């Protein structure tokens, strides 16, 4: 029990550290009027490339910060729990991929801040990897993501964002989602897999281990063993043996 709790804490600590860094940067920026937004990502601007690294720690207001906090904690925990040896590769790919996408696709003169790209990347990674792997636990995680954050799908469409009349980076959302989907496909054969003993695949159907075929229903296991022994005896009794003398020609034909 204590080991389980310790493992859960270990898996939650890094997403928590990331969220704490976001909150510390936000309150320091407000308290000391540091104007940290200038370190955000500026598309098509060489100096704006630094925003790829810094933008997840920068937020416009408290509502913006809080909207990214909970999904980073939830999705980040699931990532670290199920993909222990791949977490940093996945997170780095989503982090950099979403930022690079914004830099190429974003409009000139705009400034992008916030961790929304990471949020979309993590959510879409868990969605795609759960459905493609057919892993029961990961599939359950995917359904949880749909239930909690299914509405984020609308943030991928620029026309919907325009209707809201808010400064929302649909480019960051789309870049994060694409990065999450891509890394989920690339790492499909790595990490947790569906146990082979759970399903036997056939051309026409699937039979779970332990499931009795319909043609064996109602048959006792002892009866099966007895039948197999009887069949073996019958097959042995039907075999005719011919004994050849030691010095006889084995190729001699019978008359």
C-alpha atoms as a PDB file:
ATOM      1  CA  UNK A   1       0.000   0.000   0.000  1.00  0.00           C
ATOM      2  CA  UNK A   2       2.747   2.432   0.977  1.00  0.00           C
ATOM      3  CA  UNK A   3       4.726   1.523  -2.145  1.00  0.00           C
ATOM      4  CA  UNK A   4       1.677   2.255  -4.304  1.00  0.00           C
ATOM      5  CA  UNK A   5       1.210   5.647  -2.678  1.00  0.00           C
ATOM      6  CA  UNK A   6       4.911   6.413  -3.125  1.00  0.00           C
ATOM      7  CA  UNK A   7       4.738   5.494  -6.830  1.00  0.00           C
ATOM      8  CA  UNK A   8       1.678   7.686  -7.335  1.00  0.00           C
ATOM      9  CA  UNK A   9       3.447  10.607  -5.684  1.00  0.00           C
ATOM     10  CA  UNK A  10       6.514  10.068  -7.888  1.00  0.00           C
ATOM     11  CA  UNK A  11       4.333  10.115 -11.008  1.00  0.00           C
ATOM     12  CA  UNK A  12       2.553  13.300  -9.928  1.00  0.00           C
ATOM     13  CA  UNK A  13       5.571  15.281  -8.768  1.00  0.00           C
ATOM     14  CA  UNK A  14       6.891  16.411 -12.167  1.00  0.00           C
ATOM     15  CA  UNK A  15       3.543  17.689 -13.504  1.00  0.00           C
ATOM     16  CA  UNK A  16       3.164  19.445 -10.142  1.00  0.00           C
ATOM     17  CA  UNK A  17       6.590  21.075 -10.497  1.00  0.00           C
ATOM     18  CA  UNK A  18       5.673  22.302 -13.984  1.00  0.00           C
ATOM     19  CA  UNK A  19       2.417  23.786 -12.697  1.00  0.00           C
ATOM     20  CA  UNK A  20       4.178  25.408  -9.743  1.00  0.00           C
ATOM     21  CA  UNK A  21       6.671  27.021 -12.119  1.00  0.00           C
ATOM     22  CA  UNK A  22       3.763  28.419 -14.148  1.00  0.00           C
ATOM     23  CA  UNK A  23       2.148  29.887 -11.036  1.00  0.00           C
ATOM     24  CA  UNK A  24       5.385  31.318  -9.642  1.00  0.00           C
ATOM     25  CA  UNK A  25       6.173  33.010 -12.958  1.00  0.00           C
ATOM     26  CA  UNK A  26       2.635  34.424 -13.127  1.00  0.00           C
ATOM     27  CA  UNK A  27       2.609  35.954  -9.627  1.00  0.00           C
ATOM     28  CA  UNK A  28       6.181  37.255  -9.855  1.00  0.00           C
ATOM     29  CA  UNK A  29       5.280  38.913 -13.125  1.00  0.00           C
ATOM     30  CA  UNK A  30       2.280  40.638 -11.531  1.00  0.00           C
ATOM     31  CA  UNK A  31       3.907  41.569  -8.232  1.00  0.00           C
ATOM     32  CA  UNK A  32       7.095  43.042  -9.658  1.00  0.00           C
ATOM     33  CA  UNK A  33       5.688  44.166 -13.012  1.00  0.00           C
ATOM     34  CA  UNK A  34       8.386  42.266 -14.883  1.00  0.00           C
ATOM     35  CA  UNK A  35       6.561  42.279 -18.222  1.00  0.00           C
ATOM     36  CA  UNK A  36       7.646  38.709 -18.934  1.00  0.00           C
ATOM     37  CA  UNK A  37       5.236  38.496 -21.852  1.00  0.00           C
ATOM     38  CA  UNK A  38       7.976  39.834 -24.103  1.00  0.00           C
ATOM     39  CA  UNK A  39       9.529  36.360 -23.895  1.00  0.00           C
ATOM     40  CA  UNK A  40       6.529  34.832 -25.622  1.00  0.00           C
ATOM     41  CA  UNK A  41       6.672  33.275 -29.072  1.00  0.00           C
ATOM     42  CA  UNK A  42       6.691  35.622 -32.077  1.00  0.00           C
ATOM     43  CA  UNK A  43       5.984  33.832 -35.383  1.00  0.00           C
ATOM     44  CA  UNK A  44       8.475  34.328 -38.242  1.00  0.00           C
ATOM     45  CA  UNK A  45      10.786  36.309 -35.939  1.00  0.00           C
ATOM     46  CA  UNK A  46      14.208  34.864 -35.122  1.00  0.00           C
ATOM     47  CA  UNK A  47      14.245  36.581 -31.738  1.00  0.00           C
ATOM     48  CA  UNK A  48      10.821  35.081 -31.057  1.00  0.00           C
ATOM     49  CA  UNK A  49      12.161  31.529 -31.161  1.00  0.00           C
ATOM     50  CA  UNK A  50      13.002  31.755 -27.468  1.00  0.00           C
ATOM     51  CA  UNK A  51       9.282  31.767 -26.844  1.00  0.00           C
ATOM     52  CA  UNK A  52       9.172  28.067 -27.763  1.00  0.00           C
ATOM     53  CA  UNK A  53      10.835  27.383 -24.410  1.00  0.00           C
ATOM     54  CA  UNK A  54       9.303  30.155 -22.294  1.00  0.00           C
ATOM     55  CA  UNK A  55       5.700  30.513 -23.503  1.00  0.00           C
ATOM     56  CA  UNK A  56       4.259  27.640 -21.363  1.00  0.00           C
ATOM     57  CA  UNK A  57       5.245  29.582 -18.222  1.00  0.00           C
ATOM     58  CA  UNK A  58       3.593  32.830 -19.317  1.00  0.00           C
ATOM     59  CA  UNK A  59      -0.144  33.544 -18.981  1.00  0.00           C
ATOM     60  CA  UNK A  60      -2.307  36.554 -19.642  1.00  0.00           C
ATOM     61  CA  UNK A  61      -4.523  36.373 -16.543  1.00  0.00           C
ATOM     62  CA  UNK A  62      -5.631  34.103 -13.713  1.00  0.00           C
ATOM     63  CA  UNK A  63      -8.385  32.487 -15.781  1.00  0.00           C
ATOM     64  CA  UNK A  64      -5.896  31.621 -18.519  1.00  0.00           C
ATOM     65  CA  UNK A  65      -3.504  30.141 -15.953  1.00  0.00           C
ATOM     66  CA  UNK A  66      -6.163  28.092 -14.149  1.00  0.00           C
ATOM     67  CA  UNK A  67      -7.590  26.696 -17.395  1.00  0.00           C
ATOM     68  CA  UNK A  68      -4.185  25.154 -18.157  1.00  0.00           C
ATOM     69  CA  UNK A  69      -3.339  24.069 -14.609  1.00  0.00           C
ATOM     70  CA  UNK A  70      -5.835  21.231 -14.121  1.00  0.00           C
ATOM     71  CA  UNK A  71      -5.330  19.528 -17.516  1.00  0.00           C
ATOM     72  CA  UNK A  72      -1.534  19.660 -17.142  1.00  0.00           C
ATOM     73  CA  UNK A  73      -1.838  17.958 -13.755  1.00  0.00           C
ATOM     74  CA  UNK A  74      -4.336  15.303 -14.879  1.00  0.00           C
ATOM     75  CA  UNK A  75      -2.881  14.479 -18.300  1.00  0.00           C
ATOM     76  CA  UNK A  76       0.669  14.846 -17.014  1.00  0.00           C
ATOM     77  CA  UNK A  77       0.018  12.362 -14.219  1.00  0.00           C
ATOM     78  CA  UNK A  78      -1.331   9.762 -16.645  1.00  0.00           C
ATOM     79  CA  UNK A  79       1.660  10.319 -18.926  1.00  0.00           C
ATOM     80  CA  UNK A  80       4.206   9.768 -16.147  1.00  0.00           C
ATOM     81  CA  UNK A  81       2.254   6.830 -14.736  1.00  0.00           C
ATOM     82  CA  UNK A  82       1.987   4.770 -17.931  1.00  0.00           C
ATOM     83  CA  UNK A  83       5.050   5.916 -19.905  1.00  0.00           C
ATOM     84  CA  UNK A  84       7.738   6.114 -17.244  1.00  0.00           C
ATOM     85  CA  UNK A  85      10.727   5.657 -19.578  1.00  0.00           C
ATOM     86  CA  UNK A  86       9.286   7.750 -22.403  1.00  0.00           C
ATOM     87  CA  UNK A  87       7.791  10.700 -20.570  1.00  0.00           C
ATOM     88  CA  UNK A  88      10.535  13.222 -21.276  1.00  0.00           C
ATOM     89  CA  UNK A  89      10.734  12.238 -24.932  1.00  0.00           C
ATOM     90  CA  UNK A  90       6.958  12.615 -25.342  1.00  0.00           C
ATOM     91  CA  UNK A  91       6.753  15.862 -23.383  1.00  0.00           C
ATOM     92  CA  UNK A  92       9.730  17.387 -25.220  1.00  0.00           C
ATOM     93  CA  UNK A  93       8.320  16.398 -28.600  1.00  0.00           C
ATOM     94  CA  UNK A  94       4.956  18.005 -27.813  1.00  0.00           C
ATOM     95  CA  UNK A  95       6.556  21.081 -26.241  1.00  0.00           C
ATOM     96  CA  UNK A  96       8.898  21.772 -29.139  1.00  0.00           C
ATOM     97  CA  UNK A  97       6.513  20.553 -31.853  1.00  0.00           C
ATOM     98  CA  UNK A  98       3.673  22.861 -30.845  1.00  0.00           C
ATOM     99  CA  UNK A  99       6.038  25.842 -30.578  1.00  0.00           C
ATOM    100  CA  UNK A 100       7.687  25.225 -33.946  1.00  0.00           C
ATOM    101  CA  UNK A 101       4.272  24.867 -35.577  1.00  0.00           C
ATOM    102  CA  UNK A 102       3.190  28.248 -34.167  1.00  0.00           C
ATOM    103  CA  UNK A 103       6.389  29.886 -35.350  1.00  0.00           C
ATOM    104  CA  UNK A 104       5.808  28.764 -38.944  1.00  0.00           C
ATOM    105  CA  UNK A 105       2.008  29.050 -39.133  1.00  0.00           C
ATOM    106  CA  UNK A 106       1.212  31.953 -36.786  1.00  0.00           C
ATOM    107  CA  UNK A 107       0.436  35.433 -38.045  1.00  0.00           C
ATOM    108  CA  UNK A 108       3.111  38.095 -38.211  1.00  0.00           C
ATOM    109  CA  UNK A 109       3.025  40.588 -35.367  1.00  0.00           C
ATOM    110  CA  UNK A 110       1.283  38.257 -32.912  1.00  0.00           C
ATOM    111  CA  UNK A 111       2.593  37.129 -29.545  1.00  0.00           C
ATOM    112  CA  UNK A 112       1.765  33.654 -28.222  1.00  0.00           C
ATOM    113  CA  UNK A 113       1.902  32.704 -24.534  1.00  0.00           C
ATOM    114  CA  UNK A 114       0.476  29.917 -22.382  1.00  0.00           C
ATOM    115  CA  UNK A 115       0.694  26.139 -21.973  1.00  0.00           C
ATOM    116  CA  UNK A 116      -2.316  25.346 -24.169  1.00  0.00           C
ATOM    117  CA  UNK A 117      -0.124  23.662 -26.782  1.00  0.00           C
ATOM    118  CA  UNK A 118       1.184  21.233 -24.172  1.00  0.00           C
ATOM    119  CA  UNK A 119      -2.345  20.609 -22.877  1.00  0.00           C
ATOM    120  CA  UNK A 120      -3.670  19.764 -26.341  1.00  0.00           C
ATOM    121  CA  UNK A 121      -0.630  17.623 -27.069  1.00  0.00           C
ATOM    122  CA  UNK A 122      -0.968  15.558 -23.901  1.00  0.00           C
ATOM    123  CA  UNK A 123      -4.722  15.095 -24.257  1.00  0.00           C
ATOM    124  CA  UNK A 124      -4.511  14.029 -27.898  1.00  0.00           C
ATOM    125  CA  UNK A 125      -1.559  11.755 -27.186  1.00  0.00           C
ATOM    126  CA  UNK A 126      -3.532   9.904 -24.507  1.00  0.00           C
ATOM    127  CA  UNK A 127      -6.610   9.766 -26.748  1.00  0.00           C
ATOM    128  CA  UNK A 128      -4.849   8.320 -29.768  1.00  0.00           C
ATOM    129  CA  UNK A 129      -2.552   5.956 -27.902  1.00  0.00           C
ATOM    130  CA  UNK A 130      -5.481   4.560 -25.906  1.00  0.00           C
ATOM    131  CA  UNK A 131      -7.617   3.786 -28.940  1.00  0.00           C
ATOM    132  CA  UNK A 132      -4.795   2.469 -31.128  1.00  0.00           C
ATOM    133  CA  UNK A 133      -3.205   0.159 -28.559  1.00  0.00           C
ATOM    134  CA  UNK A 134      -6.508  -1.358 -27.380  1.00  0.00           C
ATOM    135  CA  UNK A 135      -4.990  -1.400 -23.904  1.00  0.00           C
ATOM    136  CA  UNK A 136      -7.822  -1.546 -21.369  1.00  0.00           C
ATOM    137  CA  UNK A 137      -6.360   0.935 -18.892  1.00  0.00           C
ATOM    138  CA  UNK A 138      -5.154   3.361 -21.561  1.00  0.00           C
ATOM    139  CA  UNK A 139      -8.529   3.133 -23.262  1.00  0.00           C
ATOM    140  CA  UNK A 140     -10.156   4.074 -19.961  1.00  0.00           C
ATOM    141  CA  UNK A 141      -7.774   7.043 -19.720  1.00  0.00           C
ATOM    142  CA  UNK A 142      -8.737   8.070 -23.263  1.00  0.00           C
ATOM    143  CA  UNK A 143     -12.409   8.009 -22.311  1.00  0.00           C
ATOM    144  CA  UNK A 144     -11.644  10.115 -19.238  1.00  0.00           C
ATOM    145  CA  UNK A 145      -9.920  12.656 -21.491  1.00  0.00           C
ATOM    146  CA  UNK A 146     -12.955  12.749 -23.767  1.00  0.00           C
ATOM    147  CA  UNK A 147     -15.279  13.230 -20.797  1.00  0.00           C
ATOM    148  CA  UNK A 148     -13.200  15.961 -19.167  1.00  0.00           C
ATOM    149  CA  UNK A 149     -11.796  17.805 -22.168  1.00  0.00           C
ATOM    150  CA  UNK A 150     -13.869  16.807 -25.172  1.00  0.00           C
ATOM    151  CA  UNK A 151     -14.924  20.429 -25.641  1.00  0.00           C
ATOM    152  CA  UNK A 152     -11.343  21.482 -26.407  1.00  0.00           C
ATOM    153  CA  UNK A 153     -11.876  20.130 -29.922  1.00  0.00           C
ATOM    154  CA  UNK A 154     -13.523  23.445 -30.808  1.00  0.00           C
ATOM    155  CA  UNK A 155     -10.301  25.285 -30.028  1.00  0.00           C
ATOM    156  CA  UNK A 156      -8.732  23.754 -33.149  1.00  0.00           C
ATOM    157  CA  UNK A 157     -10.934  25.737 -35.528  1.00  0.00           C
ATOM    158  CA  UNK A 158      -9.998  29.375 -36.236  1.00  0.00           C
ATOM    159  CA  UNK A 159     -13.552  30.340 -37.217  1.00  0.00           C
ATOM    160  CA  UNK A 160     -14.854  29.233 -33.817  1.00  0.00           C
ATOM    161  CA  UNK A 161     -12.076  31.143 -32.062  1.00  0.00           C
ATOM    162  CA  UNK A 162     -13.028  34.279 -33.998  1.00  0.00           C
ATOM    163  CA  UNK A 163     -16.617  33.950 -32.825  1.00  0.00           C
ATOM    164  CA  UNK A 164     -15.434  34.035 -29.214  1.00  0.00           C
ATOM    165  CA  UNK A 165     -13.640  37.320 -29.891  1.00  0.00           C
ATOM    166  CA  UNK A 166     -10.857  36.340 -27.504  1.00  0.00           C
ATOM    167  CA  UNK A 167      -7.103  36.183 -27.903  1.00  0.00           C
ATOM    168  CA  UNK A 168      -6.890  32.416 -28.277  1.00  0.00           C
ATOM    169  CA  UNK A 169      -4.031  30.772 -30.141  1.00  0.00           C
ATOM    170  CA  UNK A 170      -5.731  28.175 -32.309  1.00  0.00           C
ATOM    171  CA  UNK A 171      -2.326  27.655 -33.934  1.00  0.00           C
ATOM    172  CA  UNK A 172      -0.940  26.523 -30.581  1.00  0.00           C
ATOM    173  CA  UNK A 173      -3.893  24.214 -30.051  1.00  0.00           C
ATOM    174  CA  UNK A 174      -3.559  22.664 -33.496  1.00  0.00           C
ATOM    175  CA  UNK A 175       0.222  22.369 -33.236  1.00  0.00           C
ATOM    176  CA  UNK A 176      -0.050  20.650 -29.870  1.00  0.00           C
ATOM    177  CA  UNK A 177      -2.754  18.258 -31.085  1.00  0.00           C
ATOM    178  CA  UNK A 178      -0.764  17.323 -34.194  1.00  0.00           C
ATOM    179  CA  UNK A 179       2.392  16.781 -32.132  1.00  0.00           C
ATOM    180  CA  UNK A 180       0.525  14.548 -29.688  1.00  0.00           C
ATOM    181  CA  UNK A 181      -1.014  12.466 -32.469  1.00  0.00           C
ATOM    182  CA  UNK A 182       2.310  12.105 -34.292  1.00  0.00           C
ATOM    183  CA  UNK A 183       4.303  10.989 -31.259  1.00  0.00           C
ATOM    184  CA  UNK A 184       1.521   8.560 -30.298  1.00  0.00           C
ATOM    185  CA  UNK A 185       1.844   6.884 -33.701  1.00  0.00           C
ATOM    186  CA  UNK A 186       5.648   6.898 -33.679  1.00  0.00           C
ATOM    187  CA  UNK A 187       5.790   5.240 -30.246  1.00  0.00           C
ATOM    188  CA  UNK A 188       2.946   2.811 -30.877  1.00  0.00           C
ATOM    189  CA  UNK A 189       5.210  -0.229 -30.369  1.00  0.00           C
ATOM    190  CA  UNK A 190       6.821   1.153 -27.224  1.00  0.00           C
ATOM    191  CA  UNK A 191       5.466   1.517 -23.715  1.00  0.00           C
ATOM    192  CA  UNK A 192       2.504  -0.464 -22.339  1.00  0.00           C
ATOM    193  CA  UNK A 193       1.052  -2.996 -24.770  1.00  0.00           C
ATOM    194  CA  UNK A 194      -2.031  -5.201 -24.772  1.00  0.00           C
ATOM    195  CA  UNK A 195      -0.991  -8.493 -23.088  1.00  0.00           C
ATOM    196  CA  UNK A 196      -0.741 -11.278 -25.655  1.00  0.00           C
ATOM    197  CA  UNK A 197      -2.481 -13.783 -23.388  1.00  0.00           C
ATOM    198  CA  UNK A 198      -5.651 -11.715 -23.320  1.00  0.00           C
ATOM    199  CA  UNK A 199      -6.677 -12.128 -26.954  1.00  0.00           C
ATOM    200  CA  UNK A 200      -6.037 -14.722 -29.635  1.00  0.00           C
ATOM    201  CA  UNK A 201      -6.725 -13.209 -33.022  1.00  0.00           C
ATOM    202  CA  UNK A 202      -8.170 -15.332 -35.813  1.00  0.00           C
ATOM    203  CA  UNK A 203      -9.130 -14.366 -39.332  1.00  0.00           C
ATOM    204  CA  UNK A 204     -12.845 -14.546 -38.573  1.00  0.00           C
ATOM    205  CA  UNK A 205     -13.186 -14.072 -34.826  1.00  0.00           C
ATOM    206  CA  UNK A 206     -11.455 -13.433 -31.532  1.00  0.00           C
ATOM    207  CA  UNK A 207     -11.483 -15.936 -28.661  1.00  0.00           C
ATOM    208  CA  UNK A 208     -10.399 -14.899 -25.194  1.00  0.00           C
ATOM    209  CA  UNK A 209      -8.184 -17.259 -23.263  1.00  0.00           C
ATOM    210  CA  UNK A 210     -10.301 -19.253 -20.876  1.00  0.00           C
ATOM    211  CA  UNK A 211     -13.404 -18.958 -23.055  1.00  0.00           C
ATOM    212  CA  UNK A 212     -14.852 -22.372 -23.973  1.00  0.00           C
ATOM    213  CA  UNK A 213     -15.803 -22.690 -27.667  1.00  0.00           C
ATOM    214  CA  UNK A 214     -19.473 -23.327 -28.329  1.00  0.00           C
ATOM    215  CA  UNK A 215     -18.788 -26.868 -29.571  1.00  0.00           C
ATOM    216  CA  UNK A 216     -17.214 -27.781 -26.227  1.00  0.00           C
ATOM    217  CA  UNK A 217     -19.917 -26.361 -23.967  1.00  0.00           C
ATOM    218  CA  UNK A 218     -21.264 -28.868 -21.463  1.00  0.00           C
ATOM    219  CA  UNK A 219     -18.273 -31.207 -21.877  1.00  0.00           C
ATOM    220  CA  UNK A 220     -16.455 -32.187 -18.720  1.00  0.00           C
ATOM    221  CA  UNK A 221     -12.661 -31.842 -18.754  1.00  0.00           C
ATOM    222  CA  UNK A 222     -12.275 -35.403 -17.406  1.00  0.00           C
ATOM    223  CA  UNK A 223     -14.450 -36.661 -20.233  1.00  0.00           C
ATOM    224  CA  UNK A 224     -12.248 -34.851 -22.715  1.00  0.00           C
ATOM    225  CA  UNK A 225      -9.128 -36.528 -21.287  1.00  0.00           C
ATOM    226  CA  UNK A 226     -10.826 -39.944 -21.369  1.00  0.00           C
ATOM    227  CA  UNK A 227     -11.890 -39.449 -24.967  1.00  0.00           C
ATOM    228  CA  UNK A 228      -8.371 -38.440 -25.956  1.00  0.00           C
ATOM    229  CA  UNK A 229      -6.909 -41.538 -24.275  1.00  0.00           C
ATOM    230  CA  UNK A 230      -9.437 -43.827 -25.993  1.00  0.00           C
ATOM    231  CA  UNK A 231      -8.679 -42.261 -29.363  1.00  0.00           C
ATOM    232  CA  UNK A 232      -4.949 -42.735 -28.773  1.00  0.00           C
ATOM    233  CA  UNK A 233      -5.439 -46.429 -27.868  1.00  0.00           C
ATOM    234  CA  UNK A 234      -7.622 -47.000 -30.928  1.00  0.00           C
ATOM    235  CA  UNK A 235      -5.059 -45.363 -33.175  1.00  0.00           C
ATOM    236  CA  UNK A 236      -2.270 -47.483 -31.685  1.00  0.00           C
ATOM    237  CA  UNK A 237      -4.281 -50.703 -32.052  1.00  0.00           C
ATOM    238  CA  UNK A 238      -4.948 -49.939 -35.696  1.00  0.00           C
ATOM    239  CA  UNK A 239      -1.231 -49.838 -36.502  1.00  0.00           C
ATOM    240  CA  UNK A 240       0.173 -53.106 -37.851  1.00  0.00           C
ATOM    241  CA  UNK A 241       3.798 -53.913 -37.088  1.00  0.00           C
ATOM    242  CA  UNK A 242       5.984 -56.195 -39.194  1.00  0.00           C
ATOM    243  CA  UNK A 243       9.042 -57.771 -37.583  1.00  0.00           C
ATOM    244  CA  UNK A 244      11.932 -58.457 -39.947  1.00  0.00           C
ATOM    245  CA  UNK A 245      14.710 -60.927 -39.021  1.00  0.00           C
ATOM    246  CA  UNK A 246      18.041 -59.331 -38.278  1.00  0.00           C
ATOM    247  CA  UNK A 247      19.808 -60.634 -41.408  1.00  0.00           C
ATOM    248  CA  UNK A 248      16.824 -60.335 -43.731  1.00  0.00           C
ATOM    249  CA  UNK A 249      16.774 -57.957 -46.699  1.00  0.00           C
ATOM    250  CA  UNK A 250      14.559 -55.033 -45.648  1.00  0.00           C
ATOM    251  CA  UNK A 251      13.744 -54.241 -49.284  1.00  0.00           C
ATOM    252  CA  UNK A 252      12.349 -57.691 -50.051  1.00  0.00           C
ATOM    253  CA  UNK A 253       8.739 -57.560 -51.179  1.00  0.00           C
ATOM    254  CA  UNK A 254       6.006 -59.735 -49.768  1.00  0.00           C
ATOM    255  CA  UNK A 255       4.390 -62.259 -52.093  1.00  0.00           C
END
